[in-house]
Amino acid sequence: MEADLVVGADGLHSGVRGLAFGPERDYRHFLGAYLAVYTLPDVLHAGPTVASFAAPGLAATVYPTATAGLAGPCS
């Protein structure tokens, strides 16, 4: 198969990624961290501010969302 351009963006464990790079088990490796992203009420009233905290083995970030009154923590 030949193509001038192939674009695929269908997320984690994607079929398109598998077609382009081969089986996930051949290139996936754990980087030593987990990530969780979700929204919650902006009880700190941080507005457009991004706040981060980092310590050995721990990191957390709170960032603004497009919805007023909600914040998106990432830890």
N, C-alpha and C. Protein backbone atom coordinates (compact mmCIF):
# COMPACT_ATOMS: atom_id res chain seq x y z
N MET A 1 0.84 -1.18 0.00
CA MET A 1 0.00 0.00 0.00
C MET A 1 0.88 1.24 0.00
N GLU A 2 0.54 2.26 -0.78
CA GLU A 2 1.28 3.51 -0.84
C GLU A 2 0.33 4.67 -0.59
N ALA A 3 0.87 5.73 0.05
CA ALA A 3 0.09 6.94 0.29
C ALA A 3 1.03 8.11 0.42
N ASP A 4 0.59 9.28 0.00
CA ASP A 4 1.37 10.49 0.18
C ASP A 4 1.23 11.03 1.59
N LEU A 5 0.07 10.83 2.21
CA LEU A 5 -0.17 11.32 3.56
C LEU A 5 -1.20 10.42 4.23
N VAL A 6 -0.89 10.02 5.45
CA VAL A 6 -1.84 9.26 6.25
C VAL A 6 -1.98 9.98 7.59
N VAL A 7 -3.21 10.28 7.97
CA VAL A 7 -3.48 10.95 9.24
C VAL A 7 -4.41 10.07 10.05
N GLY A 8 -4.04 9.82 11.29
CA GLY A 8 -4.90 9.03 12.16
C GLY A 8 -4.83 9.57 13.57
N ALA A 9 -5.97 9.79 14.18
CA ALA A 9 -6.00 10.31 15.54
C ALA A 9 -7.20 9.71 16.25
N ASP A 10 -7.09 8.44 16.60
CA ASP A 10 -8.24 7.83 17.23
C ASP A 10 -7.95 7.34 18.65
N GLY A 11 -6.93 7.89 19.29
CA GLY A 11 -6.76 7.69 20.72
C GLY A 11 -5.86 6.55 21.15
N LEU A 12 -5.84 6.37 22.46
CA LEU A 12 -5.03 5.35 23.10
C LEU A 12 -5.41 3.96 22.60
N HIS A 13 -4.45 3.12 22.39
CA HIS A 13 -4.64 1.76 21.87
C HIS A 13 -5.30 1.78 20.50
N SER A 14 -4.94 2.76 19.68
CA SER A 14 -5.64 2.98 18.43
C SER A 14 -5.30 1.95 17.36
N GLY A 15 -6.29 1.64 16.57
CA GLY A 15 -6.09 0.75 15.43
C GLY A 15 -5.19 1.38 14.38
N VAL A 16 -5.33 2.69 14.18
CA VAL A 16 -4.49 3.40 13.22
C VAL A 16 -3.03 3.36 13.66
N ARG A 17 -2.78 3.57 14.94
CA ARG A 17 -1.41 3.50 15.46
C ARG A 17 -0.83 2.10 15.23
N GLY A 18 -1.65 1.09 15.45
CA GLY A 18 -1.22 -0.29 15.21
C GLY A 18 -0.86 -0.54 13.76
N LEU A 19 -1.63 0.03 12.84
CA LEU A 19 -1.32 -0.11 11.42
C LEU A 19 -0.01 0.58 11.06
N ALA A 20 0.25 1.73 11.68
CA ALA A 20 1.44 2.51 11.35
C ALA A 20 2.71 1.96 12.02
N PHE A 21 2.61 1.50 13.28
CA PHE A 21 3.80 1.14 14.04
C PHE A 21 3.89 -0.34 14.39
N GLY A 22 2.85 -1.08 14.15
CA GLY A 22 2.86 -2.49 14.52
C GLY A 22 2.20 -2.70 15.87
N PRO A 23 2.28 -3.92 16.39
CA PRO A 23 1.61 -4.24 17.66
C PRO A 23 2.11 -3.37 18.81
N GLU A 24 1.18 -2.92 19.64
CA GLU A 24 1.50 -2.04 20.77
C GLU A 24 2.54 -2.66 21.69
N ARG A 25 2.51 -3.96 21.89
CA ARG A 25 3.45 -4.62 22.80
C ARG A 25 4.90 -4.43 22.35
N ASP A 26 5.12 -4.11 21.06
CA ASP A 26 6.48 -3.93 20.55
C ASP A 26 7.10 -2.58 20.89
N TYR A 27 6.28 -1.58 21.22
CA TYR A 27 6.83 -0.25 21.49
C TYR A 27 6.34 0.39 22.78
N ARG A 28 5.40 -0.21 23.46
CA ARG A 28 4.87 0.37 24.69
C ARG A 28 5.80 0.03 25.86
N HIS A 29 6.06 1.04 26.71
CA HIS A 29 6.79 0.79 27.95
C HIS A 29 6.35 1.79 29.01
N PHE A 30 6.31 1.33 30.25
CA PHE A 30 5.85 2.14 31.37
C PHE A 30 6.89 3.21 31.70
N LEU A 31 6.47 4.44 31.84
CA LEU A 31 7.37 5.56 32.13
C LEU A 31 7.47 5.86 33.62
N GLY A 32 6.83 5.05 34.44
CA GLY A 32 6.94 5.24 35.88
C GLY A 32 5.95 6.23 36.47
N ALA A 33 4.89 6.54 35.75
CA ALA A 33 3.92 7.51 36.25
C ALA A 33 2.53 7.17 35.73
N TYR A 34 1.53 7.60 36.47
CA TYR A 34 0.14 7.49 36.06
C TYR A 34 -0.43 8.88 35.94
N LEU A 35 -1.48 9.05 35.15
CA LEU A 35 -2.10 10.35 34.94
C LEU A 35 -3.60 10.22 35.07
N ALA A 36 -4.21 11.14 35.80
CA ALA A 36 -5.67 11.20 35.92
C ALA A 36 -6.10 12.63 35.61
N VAL A 37 -7.09 12.79 34.77
CA VAL A 37 -7.59 14.12 34.40
C VAL A 37 -9.11 14.11 34.57
N TYR A 38 -9.64 15.11 35.24
CA TYR A 38 -11.08 15.20 35.47
C TYR A 38 -11.43 16.64 35.81
N THR A 39 -12.72 16.96 35.89
CA THR A 39 -13.14 18.31 36.27
C THR A 39 -13.82 18.26 37.63
N LEU A 40 -13.76 19.40 38.30
CA LEU A 40 -14.44 19.54 39.59
C LEU A 40 -14.76 21.01 39.80
N PRO A 41 -15.63 21.33 40.76
CA PRO A 41 -15.96 22.74 41.00
C PRO A 41 -14.71 23.54 41.37
N ASP A 42 -14.62 24.75 40.86
CA ASP A 42 -13.47 25.62 41.13
C ASP A 42 -13.64 26.28 42.50
N VAL A 43 -13.51 25.49 43.56
CA VAL A 43 -13.72 26.00 44.93
C VAL A 43 -12.63 26.98 45.35
N LEU A 44 -11.48 26.97 44.67
CA LEU A 44 -10.41 27.92 44.99
C LEU A 44 -10.58 29.24 44.24
N HIS A 45 -11.54 29.29 43.32
CA HIS A 45 -11.78 30.48 42.50
C HIS A 45 -10.48 30.93 41.82
N ALA A 46 -9.79 29.95 41.24
CA ALA A 46 -8.50 30.22 40.61
C ALA A 46 -8.64 30.95 39.28
N GLY A 47 -9.83 30.91 38.68
CA GLY A 47 -10.02 31.59 37.40
C GLY A 47 -9.10 31.04 36.34
N PRO A 48 -8.40 31.91 35.60
CA PRO A 48 -7.54 31.45 34.51
C PRO A 48 -6.14 31.00 34.97
N THR A 49 -5.92 30.89 36.27
CA THR A 49 -4.61 30.55 36.80
C THR A 49 -4.33 29.05 36.70
N VAL A 50 -3.10 28.70 36.34
CA VAL A 50 -2.63 27.32 36.40
C VAL A 50 -1.74 27.20 37.63
N ALA A 51 -2.05 26.24 38.49
CA ALA A 51 -1.25 26.05 39.71
C ALA A 51 -0.68 24.63 39.70
N SER A 52 0.59 24.52 40.04
CA SER A 52 1.25 23.22 40.07
C SER A 52 1.96 23.00 41.39
N PHE A 53 2.06 21.75 41.77
CA PHE A 53 2.82 21.33 42.95
C PHE A 53 3.63 20.11 42.55
N ALA A 54 4.88 20.08 42.95
CA ALA A 54 5.72 18.92 42.65
C ALA A 54 6.62 18.61 43.85
N ALA A 55 6.76 17.35 44.13
CA ALA A 55 7.66 16.85 45.16
C ALA A 55 8.18 15.51 44.64
N PRO A 56 9.24 14.98 45.21
CA PRO A 56 9.74 13.69 44.73
C PRO A 56 8.64 12.63 44.72
N GLY A 57 8.39 12.09 43.55
CA GLY A 57 7.38 11.05 43.41
C GLY A 57 5.94 11.53 43.37
N LEU A 58 5.72 12.85 43.32
CA LEU A 58 4.37 13.39 43.37
C LEU A 58 4.28 14.68 42.58
N ALA A 59 3.21 14.85 41.83
CA ALA A 59 2.97 16.10 41.12
C ALA A 59 1.47 16.28 40.95
N ALA A 60 1.02 17.51 41.00
CA ALA A 60 -0.39 17.82 40.79
C ALA A 60 -0.49 19.18 40.13
N THR A 61 -1.45 19.34 39.25
CA THR A 61 -1.68 20.60 38.55
C THR A 61 -3.17 20.86 38.49
N VAL A 62 -3.57 22.11 38.70
CA VAL A 62 -4.96 22.53 38.53
C VAL A 62 -4.95 23.60 37.45
N TYR A 63 -5.82 23.45 36.48
CA TYR A 63 -5.85 24.37 35.34
C TYR A 63 -7.29 24.77 35.03
N PRO A 64 -7.46 25.90 34.35
CA PRO A 64 -8.82 26.35 34.01
C PRO A 64 -9.42 25.50 32.90
N THR A 65 -10.73 25.43 32.88
CA THR A 65 -11.44 24.74 31.80
C THR A 65 -12.23 25.77 31.00
N ALA A 66 -12.84 25.32 29.92
CA ALA A 66 -13.65 26.21 29.10
C ALA A 66 -14.99 26.52 29.75
N THR A 67 -15.35 25.76 30.79
CA THR A 67 -16.62 25.96 31.47
C THR A 67 -16.41 26.75 32.76
N ALA A 68 -17.04 27.91 32.86
CA ALA A 68 -16.90 28.75 34.05
C ALA A 68 -17.31 27.96 35.30
N GLY A 69 -16.55 28.10 36.36
CA GLY A 69 -16.89 27.45 37.61
C GLY A 69 -16.32 26.05 37.77
N LEU A 70 -15.64 25.55 36.73
CA LEU A 70 -15.02 24.24 36.80
C LEU A 70 -13.51 24.35 36.66
N ALA A 71 -12.80 23.49 37.35
CA ALA A 71 -11.35 23.41 37.24
C ALA A 71 -11.00 22.00 36.80
N GLY A 72 -9.85 21.83 36.21
CA GLY A 72 -9.41 20.51 35.76
C GLY A 72 -8.12 20.12 36.44
N PRO A 73 -8.19 19.34 37.50
CA PRO A 73 -6.96 18.89 38.13
C PRO A 73 -6.33 17.75 37.34
N CYS A 74 -5.05 17.71 37.35
CA CYS A 74 -4.30 16.66 36.69
C CYS A 74 -3.27 16.18 37.68
N SER A 75 -3.33 14.92 38.09
CA SER A 75 -2.38 14.43 39.09
C SER A 75 -1.85 13.08 38.70
